[in-house]
Amino acid sequence: VPEYIVSEEGPDHDKNFTAVAMVAGVAISEGVGKSKREAEQIAARTAYESLKIELPQP
């Protein structure tokens, strides 16, 4: 299960959030969005897609 490190930038009315998905202390993907949830979902989707490509197909 990934953990997320989330940072935020910008003024209160126009923030951008960046989430880094970490597995075993290693950053595996990053997502940027207008909310923490959106950034985490993008990071999760990116991690899933990259892991799916790396896993051998049965």
Protein backbone atom coordinates (compact mmCIF):
# COMPACT_ATOMS: atom_id res chain seq x y z
CA VAL A 1 0.00 0.00 0.00
CA PRO A 2 1.54 3.31 -1.00
CA GLU A 3 1.92 6.24 1.33
CA TYR A 4 1.54 9.78 0.02
CA ILE A 5 3.59 12.85 0.78
CA VAL A 6 1.53 15.90 -0.15
CA SER A 7 2.77 19.46 -0.55
CA GLU A 8 0.84 22.57 -1.53
CA GLU A 9 1.73 25.75 -3.36
CA GLY A 10 -0.06 28.92 -4.25
CA PRO A 11 -2.48 31.33 -2.61
CA ASP A 12 -5.44 29.99 -0.61
CA HIS A 13 -7.89 30.64 -3.43
CA ASP A 14 -5.77 28.89 -6.10
CA LYS A 15 -3.71 26.10 -4.52
CA ASN A 16 -1.96 23.32 -6.38
CA PHE A 17 -1.23 20.09 -4.54
CA THR A 18 1.56 17.67 -5.38
CA ALA A 19 1.39 14.10 -4.10
CA VAL A 20 4.30 11.68 -4.24
CA ALA A 21 3.40 7.99 -3.93
CA MET A 22 5.96 6.14 -1.80
CA VAL A 23 6.38 2.36 -1.51
CA ALA A 24 8.95 1.03 0.95
CA GLY A 25 10.44 4.52 1.21
CA VAL A 26 10.92 4.86 -2.56
CA ALA A 27 9.08 7.48 -4.64
CA ILE A 28 7.32 5.66 -7.47
CA SER A 29 5.09 8.36 -8.95
CA GLU A 30 3.82 11.91 -8.62
CA GLY A 31 0.51 13.64 -9.22
CA VAL A 32 -0.56 17.28 -9.28
CA GLY A 33 -4.10 18.51 -8.76
CA LYS A 34 -6.36 21.22 -7.36
CA SER A 35 -7.06 19.13 -4.22
CA LYS A 36 -5.11 16.65 -2.12
CA ARG A 37 -7.46 13.89 -3.20
CA GLU A 38 -7.06 14.67 -6.90
CA ALA A 39 -3.26 14.76 -6.60
CA GLU A 40 -3.22 11.44 -4.70
CA GLN A 41 -5.53 9.80 -7.26
CA ILE A 42 -3.33 10.94 -10.14
CA ALA A 43 -0.22 9.66 -8.34
CA ALA A 44 -1.96 6.32 -7.67
CA ARG A 45 -3.09 5.98 -11.29
CA THR A 46 0.40 6.80 -12.56
CA ALA A 47 1.96 4.27 -10.15
CA TYR A 48 -0.53 1.58 -11.21
CA GLU A 49 0.14 2.18 -14.90
CA SER A 50 3.92 2.08 -14.45
CA LEU A 51 3.77 -1.08 -12.31
CA LYS A 52 1.38 -2.74 -14.77
CA ILE A 53 3.90 -2.18 -17.56
CA GLU A 54 6.78 -3.61 -15.48
CA LEU A 55 4.97 -6.76 -14.31
CA PRO A 56 5.31 -9.85 -16.52
CA GLN A 57 2.09 -10.89 -18.22
CA PRO A 58 0.78 -14.41 -17.41
